Protein backbone atom coordinates (compact mmCIF):
# COMPACT_ATOMS: atom_id res chain seq x y z
CA UNK A 1 0.00 0.00 0.00
CA UNK A 2 2.82 2.40 0.89
CA UNK A 3 4.45 1.92 -2.52
CA UNK A 4 1.16 2.63 -4.28
CA UNK A 5 0.66 5.75 -2.19
CA UNK A 6 4.13 7.03 -3.13
CA UNK A 7 3.39 6.36 -6.81
CA UNK A 8 0.08 8.20 -6.43
CA UNK A 9 1.87 11.23 -4.98
CA UNK A 10 4.40 11.14 -7.79
CA UNK A 11 1.65 11.19 -10.40
CA UNK A 12 -0.11 13.98 -8.54
CA UNK A 13 2.93 16.25 -8.31
CA UNK A 14 3.52 15.82 -12.04
CA UNK A 15 0.42 17.96 -12.57
CA UNK A 16 2.06 20.91 -10.79
CA UNK A 17 3.73 21.84 -14.08
CA UNK A 18 0.32 22.47 -15.63
CA UNK A 19 -0.63 25.21 -13.18
CA UNK A 20 0.74 28.50 -11.93
CA UNK A 21 1.82 27.46 -8.45
CA UNK A 22 3.92 30.45 -7.44
CA UNK A 23 1.82 31.09 -4.33
CA UNK A 24 2.47 27.54 -3.09
CA UNK A 25 6.09 27.19 -4.22
CA UNK A 26 7.43 26.54 -0.69
CA UNK A 27 4.88 23.80 -0.05
CA UNK A 28 5.50 22.23 -3.45
CA UNK A 29 9.25 22.42 -2.90
CA UNK A 30 8.77 20.51 0.36
CA UNK A 31 6.75 17.82 -1.45
CA UNK A 32 9.59 17.37 -3.97
CA UNK A 33 12.07 17.43 -1.09
CA UNK A 34 10.14 14.68 0.68
CA UNK A 35 10.09 12.51 -2.43
CA UNK A 36 13.81 13.11 -2.93
CA UNK A 37 14.55 12.04 0.63
CA UNK A 38 12.28 9.01 0.31
CA UNK A 39 14.14 7.73 -2.75
CA UNK A 40 17.52 8.58 -1.23
CA UNK A 41 16.67 6.57 1.88
CA UNK A 42 15.27 3.74 -0.25
CA UNK A 43 18.55 3.70 -2.17
CA UNK A 44 20.53 3.46 1.10
CA UNK A 45 18.24 0.76 2.51
CA UNK A 46 18.43 -1.34 -0.67
CA UNK A 47 22.20 -0.91 -0.87
CA UNK A 48 22.60 -2.31 2.63
CA UNK A 49 20.65 -5.36 1.43
CA UNK A 50 22.94 -5.63 -1.63
CA UNK A 51 20.09 -4.69 -3.96
CA UNK A 52 21.43 -1.42 -5.30
CA UNK A 53 18.90 0.36 -7.44
CA UNK A 54 20.48 3.22 -9.38
CA UNK A 55 17.01 4.35 -10.43
CA UNK A 56 16.23 5.29 -6.81
CA UNK A 57 19.42 7.39 -6.68
CA UNK A 58 18.45 9.14 -9.91
CA UNK A 59 14.91 9.76 -8.64
CA UNK A 60 16.26 11.19 -5.41
CA UNK A 61 18.50 13.58 -7.33
CA UNK A 62 15.66 14.51 -9.70
CA UNK A 63 13.24 15.41 -6.90
CA UNK A 64 15.83 17.26 -4.81
CA UNK A 65 16.87 19.29 -7.88
CA UNK A 66 13.21 20.01 -8.53
CA UNK A 67 12.70 21.12 -4.93
CA UNK A 68 15.62 23.53 -5.31
CA UNK A 69 14.41 24.91 -8.65
CA UNK A 70 10.96 25.46 -7.16
CA UNK A 71 12.29 27.26 -4.08
CA UNK A 72 15.94 28.32 -4.02
CA UNK A 73 15.60 29.17 -0.32
CA UNK A 74 14.75 25.58 0.71
CA UNK A 75 17.84 25.12 2.86
CA UNK A 76 17.03 21.54 3.83
CA UNK A 77 16.63 20.46 0.20
CA UNK A 78 19.89 22.20 -0.72
CA UNK A 79 21.75 20.48 2.11
CA UNK A 80 20.20 17.10 1.38
CA UNK A 81 21.20 17.46 -2.28
CA UNK A 82 24.75 18.27 -1.19
CA UNK A 83 24.76 15.21 1.07
CA UNK A 84 23.46 13.06 -1.78
CA UNK A 85 26.31 14.20 -4.03
CA UNK A 86 28.87 13.72 -1.29
CA UNK A 87 27.85 10.61 0.60
CA UNK A 88 25.61 8.56 -1.65
CA UNK A 89 26.90 9.13 -5.18
CA UNK A 90 29.50 6.64 -6.33
CA UNK A 91 31.96 8.13 -6.93
CA UNK A 92 31.21 11.22 -4.84
CA UNK A 93 30.41 14.31 -6.89
CA UNK A 94 32.47 16.88 -4.98
CA UNK A 95 31.81 19.65 -7.48
CA UNK A 96 28.02 19.29 -7.15
CA UNK A 97 28.28 19.09 -3.35
CA UNK A 98 30.27 22.33 -3.23
CA UNK A 99 28.02 24.11 -5.74
CA UNK A 100 24.83 23.23 -3.85
CA UNK A 101 26.48 24.16 -0.57
CA UNK A 102 27.11 27.66 -1.91
CA UNK A 103 23.40 28.01 -2.69
CA UNK A 104 22.57 26.79 0.79
CA UNK A 105 24.80 29.42 2.39
CA UNK A 106 23.23 32.12 0.24
CA UNK A 107 19.80 31.03 1.46
CA UNK A 108 20.88 30.82 5.13
CA UNK A 109 24.35 32.24 5.85
CA UNK A 110 24.30 31.51 9.59
CA UNK A 111 23.79 27.74 9.43
CA UNK A 112 26.10 24.95 10.53
CA UNK A 113 25.07 22.16 8.14
CA UNK A 114 26.40 23.64 4.88
CA UNK A 115 29.77 24.21 6.55
CA UNK A 116 29.68 20.67 7.94
CA UNK A 117 28.99 19.23 4.47
CA UNK A 118 31.84 21.20 2.93
CA UNK A 119 34.15 20.21 5.80
CA UNK A 120 33.47 16.56 4.92
CA UNK A 121 34.32 17.28 1.28
CA UNK A 122 37.56 18.98 2.32
CA UNK A 123 38.50 16.08 4.64
CA UNK A 124 37.94 13.53 1.89
CA UNK A 125 40.18 15.64 -0.36
CA UNK A 126 42.91 15.76 2.29
CA UNK A 127 42.48 19.46 3.11
CA UNK A 128 42.31 18.99 6.89
CA UNK A 129 43.20 22.59 7.66
CA UNK A 130 40.20 23.92 5.73
CA UNK A 131 37.96 21.24 7.22
CA UNK A 132 39.06 22.23 10.73
CA UNK A 133 38.45 25.90 9.94
CA UNK A 134 34.94 25.24 8.59
CA UNK A 135 33.98 23.10 11.58
CA UNK A 136 35.30 25.72 14.00
CA UNK A 137 33.24 28.32 12.16
CA UNK A 138 30.16 26.06 12.35
CA UNK A 139 30.61 25.54 16.09
CA UNK A 140 30.46 29.32 16.60
CA UNK A 141 26.94 29.30 15.11
CA UNK A 142 23.76 27.96 16.71
CA UNK A 143 21.43 26.91 13.86
CA UNK A 144 21.90 23.55 12.16
CA UNK A 145 19.85 24.85 9.23
CA UNK A 146 17.08 27.24 10.23
CA UNK A 147 16.87 26.25 13.88
CA UNK A 148 19.20 24.87 16.55
CA UNK A 149 19.60 21.08 16.66
CA UNK A 150 21.75 20.48 19.76
CA UNK A 151 22.24 16.76 19.07
CA UNK A 152 24.14 17.65 15.85
CA UNK A 153 26.86 19.56 17.73
CA UNK A 154 28.60 16.26 18.55
CA UNK A 155 28.98 15.61 14.80
CA UNK A 156 30.79 18.90 14.47
CA UNK A 157 33.12 18.17 17.38
CA UNK A 158 33.79 14.60 16.25
CA UNK A 159 34.68 15.57 12.69
CA UNK A 160 36.80 18.47 13.89
CA UNK A 161 38.65 16.01 16.15
CA UNK A 162 39.27 13.84 13.08
CA UNK A 163 40.59 16.82 11.09
CA UNK A 164 42.80 17.91 13.99
CA UNK A 165 44.21 14.40 14.40
CA UNK A 166 45.12 14.33 10.71
CA UNK A 167 46.66 17.79 11.03
CA UNK A 168 48.74 16.63 14.01
CA UNK A 169 50.00 13.68 11.99
CA UNK A 170 50.72 15.75 8.86
CA UNK A 171 52.34 18.74 10.57
CA UNK A 172 53.90 17.05 13.62
CA UNK A 173 52.36 19.87 15.68
CA UNK A 174 51.17 18.15 18.83
CA UNK A 175 48.93 21.06 19.82
CA UNK A 176 46.39 19.72 17.29
CA UNK A 177 46.32 16.40 19.13
CA UNK A 178 45.49 18.12 22.41
CA UNK A 179 42.71 20.06 20.69
CA UNK A 180 41.41 16.83 19.13
CA UNK A 181 41.24 15.22 22.57
CA UNK A 182 39.33 18.24 23.86
CA UNK A 183 36.83 17.85 21.00
CA UNK A 184 36.40 14.16 21.80
CA UNK A 185 35.64 15.05 25.43
CA UNK A 186 32.87 17.32 24.11
CA UNK A 187 31.49 14.37 22.14
CA UNK A 188 31.51 12.13 25.22
CA UNK A 189 29.87 14.63 27.55
CA UNK A 190 27.24 16.16 25.21
C-alpha atoms as a PDB file:
ATOM      1  CA  UNK A   1       0.000   0.000   0.000  1.00  0.00           C
ATOM      2  CA  UNK A   2       2.819   2.404   0.892  1.00  0.00           C
ATOM      3  CA  UNK A   3       4.448   1.917  -2.521  1.00  0.00           C
ATOM      4  CA  UNK A   4       1.164   2.630  -4.282  1.00  0.00           C
ATOM      5  CA  UNK A   5       0.658   5.749  -2.193  1.00  0.00           C
ATOM      6  CA  UNK A   6       4.126   7.031  -3.127  1.00  0.00           C
ATOM      7  CA  UNK A   7       3.386   6.359  -6.813  1.00  0.00           C
ATOM      8  CA  UNK A   8       0.079   8.198  -6.435  1.00  0.00           C
ATOM      9  CA  UNK A   9       1.870  11.231  -4.978  1.00  0.00           C
ATOM     10  CA  UNK A  10       4.397  11.141  -7.790  1.00  0.00           C
ATOM     11  CA  UNK A  11       1.654  11.189 -10.405  1.00  0.00           C
ATOM     12  CA  UNK A  12      -0.115  13.978  -8.538  1.00  0.00           C
ATOM     13  CA  UNK A  13       2.931  16.250  -8.308  1.00  0.00           C
ATOM     14  CA  UNK A  14       3.524  15.822 -12.036  1.00  0.00           C
ATOM     15  CA  UNK A  15       0.422  17.963 -12.573  1.00  0.00           C
ATOM     16  CA  UNK A  16       2.059  20.908 -10.793  1.00  0.00           C
ATOM     17  CA  UNK A  17       3.732  21.839 -14.079  1.00  0.00           C
ATOM     18  CA  UNK A  18       0.315  22.473 -15.626  1.00  0.00           C
ATOM     19  CA  UNK A  19      -0.630  25.212 -13.179  1.00  0.00           C
ATOM     20  CA  UNK A  20       0.745  28.504 -11.926  1.00  0.00           C
ATOM     21  CA  UNK A  21       1.819  27.465  -8.453  1.00  0.00           C
ATOM     22  CA  UNK A  22       3.915  30.450  -7.437  1.00  0.00           C
ATOM     23  CA  UNK A  23       1.815  31.093  -4.327  1.00  0.00           C
ATOM     24  CA  UNK A  24       2.466  27.540  -3.093  1.00  0.00           C
ATOM     25  CA  UNK A  25       6.085  27.192  -4.215  1.00  0.00           C
ATOM     26  CA  UNK A  26       7.430  26.540  -0.691  1.00  0.00           C
ATOM     27  CA  UNK A  27       4.884  23.796  -0.053  1.00  0.00           C
ATOM     28  CA  UNK A  28       5.502  22.229  -3.453  1.00  0.00           C
ATOM     29  CA  UNK A  29       9.254  22.416  -2.905  1.00  0.00           C
ATOM     30  CA  UNK A  30       8.772  20.513   0.362  1.00  0.00           C
ATOM     31  CA  UNK A  31       6.748  17.822  -1.454  1.00  0.00           C
ATOM     32  CA  UNK A  32       9.585  17.370  -3.969  1.00  0.00           C
ATOM     33  CA  UNK A  33      12.068  17.427  -1.095  1.00  0.00           C
ATOM     34  CA  UNK A  34      10.139  14.680   0.683  1.00  0.00           C
ATOM     35  CA  UNK A  35      10.090  12.505  -2.431  1.00  0.00           C
ATOM     36  CA  UNK A  36      13.809  13.109  -2.931  1.00  0.00           C
ATOM     37  CA  UNK A  37      14.553  12.041   0.635  1.00  0.00           C
ATOM     38  CA  UNK A  38      12.275   9.010   0.311  1.00  0.00           C
ATOM     39  CA  UNK A  39      14.143   7.734  -2.749  1.00  0.00           C
ATOM     40  CA  UNK A  40      17.524   8.580  -1.229  1.00  0.00           C
ATOM     41  CA  UNK A  41      16.667   6.573   1.884  1.00  0.00           C
ATOM     42  CA  UNK A  42      15.271   3.740  -0.246  1.00  0.00           C
ATOM     43  CA  UNK A  43      18.554   3.702  -2.170  1.00  0.00           C
ATOM     44  CA  UNK A  44      20.526   3.459   1.095  1.00  0.00           C
ATOM     45  CA  UNK A  45      18.237   0.757   2.506  1.00  0.00           C
ATOM     46  CA  UNK A  46      18.434  -1.342  -0.667  1.00  0.00           C
ATOM     47  CA  UNK A  47      22.199  -0.907  -0.873  1.00  0.00           C
ATOM     48  CA  UNK A  48      22.597  -2.313   2.629  1.00  0.00           C
ATOM     49  CA  UNK A  49      20.653  -5.361   1.432  1.00  0.00           C
ATOM     50  CA  UNK A  50      22.944  -5.625  -1.630  1.00  0.00           C
ATOM     51  CA  UNK A  51      20.085  -4.688  -3.963  1.00  0.00           C
ATOM     52  CA  UNK A  52      21.433  -1.425  -5.295  1.00  0.00           C
ATOM     53  CA  UNK A  53      18.902   0.364  -7.441  1.00  0.00           C
ATOM     54  CA  UNK A  54      20.481   3.220  -9.383  1.00  0.00           C
ATOM     55  CA  UNK A  55      17.012   4.352 -10.432  1.00  0.00           C
ATOM     56  CA  UNK A  56      16.234   5.294  -6.808  1.00  0.00           C
ATOM     57  CA  UNK A  57      19.416   7.390  -6.677  1.00  0.00           C
ATOM     58  CA  UNK A  58      18.448   9.141  -9.906  1.00  0.00           C
ATOM     59  CA  UNK A  59      14.909   9.757  -8.643  1.00  0.00           C
ATOM     60  CA  UNK A  60      16.256  11.188  -5.411  1.00  0.00           C
ATOM     61  CA  UNK A  61      18.500  13.578  -7.326  1.00  0.00           C
ATOM     62  CA  UNK A  62      15.658  14.511  -9.698  1.00  0.00           C
ATOM     63  CA  UNK A  63      13.243  15.407  -6.899  1.00  0.00           C
ATOM     64  CA  UNK A  64      15.826  17.259  -4.811  1.00  0.00           C
ATOM     65  CA  UNK A  65      16.870  19.287  -7.879  1.00  0.00           C
ATOM     66  CA  UNK A  66      13.213  20.013  -8.533  1.00  0.00           C
ATOM     67  CA  UNK A  67      12.703  21.125  -4.934  1.00  0.00           C
ATOM     68  CA  UNK A  68      15.619  23.533  -5.310  1.00  0.00           C
ATOM     69  CA  UNK A  69      14.409  24.910  -8.653  1.00  0.00           C
ATOM     70  CA  UNK A  70      10.961  25.455  -7.160  1.00  0.00           C
ATOM     71  CA  UNK A  71      12.293  27.262  -4.083  1.00  0.00           C
ATOM     72  CA  UNK A  72      15.944  28.323  -4.023  1.00  0.00           C
ATOM     73  CA  UNK A  73      15.603  29.170  -0.317  1.00  0.00           C
ATOM     74  CA  UNK A  74      14.751  25.577   0.706  1.00  0.00           C
ATOM     75  CA  UNK A  75      17.842  25.120   2.859  1.00  0.00           C
ATOM     76  CA  UNK A  76      17.030  21.537   3.827  1.00  0.00           C
ATOM     77  CA  UNK A  77      16.634  20.461   0.197  1.00  0.00           C
ATOM     78  CA  UNK A  78      19.886  22.204  -0.717  1.00  0.00           C
ATOM     79  CA  UNK A  79      21.747  20.483   2.108  1.00  0.00           C
ATOM     80  CA  UNK A  80      20.199  17.098   1.377  1.00  0.00           C
ATOM     81  CA  UNK A  81      21.200  17.464  -2.285  1.00  0.00           C
ATOM     82  CA  UNK A  82      24.749  18.274  -1.193  1.00  0.00           C
ATOM     83  CA  UNK A  83      24.759  15.213   1.072  1.00  0.00           C
ATOM     84  CA  UNK A  84      23.458  13.056  -1.783  1.00  0.00           C
ATOM     85  CA  UNK A  85      26.310  14.200  -4.029  1.00  0.00           C
ATOM     86  CA  UNK A  86      28.869  13.722  -1.286  1.00  0.00           C
ATOM     87  CA  UNK A  87      27.852  10.614   0.605  1.00  0.00           C
ATOM     88  CA  UNK A  88      25.611   8.561  -1.653  1.00  0.00           C
ATOM     89  CA  UNK A  89      26.897   9.129  -5.180  1.00  0.00           C
ATOM     90  CA  UNK A  90      29.500   6.641  -6.328  1.00  0.00           C
ATOM     91  CA  UNK A  91      31.955   8.128  -6.930  1.00  0.00           C
ATOM     92  CA  UNK A  92      31.215  11.221  -4.837  1.00  0.00           C
ATOM     93  CA  UNK A  93      30.413  14.311  -6.886  1.00  0.00           C
ATOM     94  CA  UNK A  94      32.471  16.876  -4.983  1.00  0.00           C
ATOM     95  CA  UNK A  95      31.814  19.652  -7.480  1.00  0.00           C
ATOM     96  CA  UNK A  96      28.024  19.291  -7.152  1.00  0.00           C
ATOM     97  CA  UNK A  97      28.285  19.092  -3.348  1.00  0.00           C
ATOM     98  CA  UNK A  98      30.273  22.331  -3.225  1.00  0.00           C
ATOM     99  CA  UNK A  99      28.017  24.107  -5.739  1.00  0.00           C
ATOM    100  CA  UNK A 100      24.828  23.228  -3.852  1.00  0.00           C
ATOM    101  CA  UNK A 101      26.482  24.158  -0.566  1.00  0.00           C
ATOM    102  CA  UNK A 102      27.108  27.658  -1.910  1.00  0.00           C
ATOM    103  CA  UNK A 103      23.395  28.015  -2.692  1.00  0.00           C
ATOM    104  CA  UNK A 104      22.571  26.792   0.789  1.00  0.00           C
ATOM    105  CA  UNK A 105      24.803  29.420   2.394  1.00  0.00           C
ATOM    106  CA  UNK A 106      23.229  32.120   0.242  1.00  0.00           C
ATOM    107  CA  UNK A 107      19.797  31.026   1.461  1.00  0.00           C
ATOM    108  CA  UNK A 108      20.878  30.818   5.131  1.00  0.00           C
ATOM    109  CA  UNK A 109      24.349  32.236   5.852  1.00  0.00           C
ATOM    110  CA  UNK A 110      24.298  31.507   9.589  1.00  0.00           C
ATOM    111  CA  UNK A 111      23.786  27.740   9.428  1.00  0.00           C
ATOM    112  CA  UNK A 112      26.095  24.946  10.534  1.00  0.00           C
ATOM    113  CA  UNK A 113      25.072  22.157   8.140  1.00  0.00           C
ATOM    114  CA  UNK A 114      26.398  23.641   4.882  1.00  0.00           C
ATOM    115  CA  UNK A 115      29.769  24.206   6.555  1.00  0.00           C
ATOM    116  CA  UNK A 116      29.681  20.665   7.939  1.00  0.00           C
ATOM    117  CA  UNK A 117      28.986  19.226   4.471  1.00  0.00           C
ATOM    118  CA  UNK A 118      31.837  21.197   2.930  1.00  0.00           C
ATOM    119  CA  UNK A 119      34.154  20.210   5.800  1.00  0.00           C
ATOM    120  CA  UNK A 120      33.469  16.564   4.923  1.00  0.00           C
ATOM    121  CA  UNK A 121      34.319  17.281   1.281  1.00  0.00           C
ATOM    122  CA  UNK A 122      37.563  18.975   2.325  1.00  0.00           C
ATOM    123  CA  UNK A 123      38.500  16.078   4.635  1.00  0.00           C
ATOM    124  CA  UNK A 124      37.940  13.531   1.891  1.00  0.00           C
ATOM    125  CA  UNK A 125      40.182  15.637  -0.359  1.00  0.00           C
ATOM    126  CA  UNK A 126      42.915  15.759   2.291  1.00  0.00           C
ATOM    127  CA  UNK A 127      42.479  19.461   3.108  1.00  0.00           C
ATOM    128  CA  UNK A 128      42.311  18.993   6.889  1.00  0.00           C
ATOM    129  CA  UNK A 129      43.204  22.587   7.659  1.00  0.00           C
ATOM    130  CA  UNK A 130      40.203  23.921   5.727  1.00  0.00           C
ATOM    131  CA  UNK A 131      37.963  21.243   7.224  1.00  0.00           C
ATOM    132  CA  UNK A 132      39.062  22.228  10.725  1.00  0.00           C
ATOM    133  CA  UNK A 133      38.446  25.903   9.938  1.00  0.00           C
ATOM    134  CA  UNK A 134      34.936  25.245   8.585  1.00  0.00           C
ATOM    135  CA  UNK A 135      33.976  23.098  11.577  1.00  0.00           C
ATOM    136  CA  UNK A 136      35.302  25.720  14.001  1.00  0.00           C
ATOM    137  CA  UNK A 137      33.239  28.324  12.159  1.00  0.00           C
ATOM    138  CA  UNK A 138      30.164  26.056  12.347  1.00  0.00           C
ATOM    139  CA  UNK A 139      30.607  25.542  16.094  1.00  0.00           C
ATOM    140  CA  UNK A 140      30.461  29.316  16.600  1.00  0.00           C
ATOM    141  CA  UNK A 141      26.942  29.299  15.114  1.00  0.00           C
ATOM    142  CA  UNK A 142      23.763  27.962  16.707  1.00  0.00           C
ATOM    143  CA  UNK A 143      21.427  26.905  13.863  1.00  0.00           C
ATOM    144  CA  UNK A 144      21.899  23.551  12.162  1.00  0.00           C
ATOM    145  CA  UNK A 145      19.850  24.850   9.231  1.00  0.00           C
ATOM    146  CA  UNK A 146      17.076  27.238  10.230  1.00  0.00           C
ATOM    147  CA  UNK A 147      16.866  26.252  13.884  1.00  0.00           C
ATOM    148  CA  UNK A 148      19.203  24.870  16.553  1.00  0.00           C
ATOM    149  CA  UNK A 149      19.595  21.080  16.662  1.00  0.00           C
ATOM    150  CA  UNK A 150      21.751  20.483  19.763  1.00  0.00           C
ATOM    151  CA  UNK A 151      22.242  16.757  19.068  1.00  0.00           C
ATOM    152  CA  UNK A 152      24.138  17.652  15.852  1.00  0.00           C
ATOM    153  CA  UNK A 153      26.857  19.557  17.728  1.00  0.00           C
ATOM    154  CA  UNK A 154      28.596  16.260  18.552  1.00  0.00           C
ATOM    155  CA  UNK A 155      28.982  15.606  14.804  1.00  0.00           C
ATOM    156  CA  UNK A 156      30.787  18.903  14.467  1.00  0.00           C
ATOM    157  CA  UNK A 157      33.117  18.166  17.383  1.00  0.00           C
ATOM    158  CA  UNK A 158      33.792  14.602  16.246  1.00  0.00           C
ATOM    159  CA  UNK A 159      34.679  15.575  12.691  1.00  0.00           C
ATOM    160  CA  UNK A 160      36.797  18.474  13.889  1.00  0.00           C
ATOM    161  CA  UNK A 161      38.652  16.008  16.146  1.00  0.00           C
ATOM    162  CA  UNK A 162      39.271  13.844  13.078  1.00  0.00           C
ATOM    163  CA  UNK A 163      40.587  16.817  11.089  1.00  0.00           C
ATOM    164  CA  UNK A 164      42.804  17.906  13.985  1.00  0.00           C
ATOM    165  CA  UNK A 165      44.207  14.395  14.396  1.00  0.00           C
ATOM    166  CA  UNK A 166      45.124  14.331  10.711  1.00  0.00           C
ATOM    167  CA  UNK A 167      46.657  17.793  11.028  1.00  0.00           C
ATOM    168  CA  UNK A 168      48.742  16.632  14.007  1.00  0.00           C
ATOM    169  CA  UNK A 169      49.997  13.683  11.991  1.00  0.00           C
ATOM    170  CA  UNK A 170      50.718  15.749   8.863  1.00  0.00           C
ATOM    171  CA  UNK A 171      52.339  18.739  10.567  1.00  0.00           C
ATOM    172  CA  UNK A 172      53.896  17.051  13.621  1.00  0.00           C
ATOM    173  CA  UNK A 173      52.359  19.875  15.677  1.00  0.00           C
ATOM    174  CA  UNK A 174      51.168  18.148  18.830  1.00  0.00           C
ATOM    175  CA  UNK A 175      48.925  21.057  19.818  1.00  0.00           C
ATOM    176  CA  UNK A 176      46.394  19.721  17.286  1.00  0.00           C
ATOM    177  CA  UNK A 177      46.322  16.398  19.131  1.00  0.00           C
ATOM    178  CA  UNK A 178      45.490  18.116  22.412  1.00  0.00           C
ATOM    179  CA  UNK A 179      42.712  20.055  20.694  1.00  0.00           C
ATOM    180  CA  UNK A 180      41.410  16.829  19.127  1.00  0.00           C
ATOM    181  CA  UNK A 181      41.237  15.222  22.568  1.00  0.00           C
ATOM    182  CA  UNK A 182      39.327  18.244  23.862  1.00  0.00           C
ATOM    183  CA  UNK A 183      36.831  17.848  21.003  1.00  0.00           C
ATOM    184  CA  UNK A 184      36.399  14.159  21.798  1.00  0.00           C
ATOM    185  CA  UNK A 185      35.639  15.046  25.429  1.00  0.00           C
ATOM    186  CA  UNK A 186      32.868  17.319  24.107  1.00  0.00           C
ATOM    187  CA  UNK A 187      31.493  14.374  22.136  1.00  0.00           C
ATOM    188  CA  UNK A 188      31.511  12.133  25.220  1.00  0.00           C
ATOM    189  CA  UNK A 189      29.875  14.632  27.551  1.00  0.00           C
ATOM    190  CA  UNK A 190      27.241  16.159  25.214  1.00  0.00           C
END
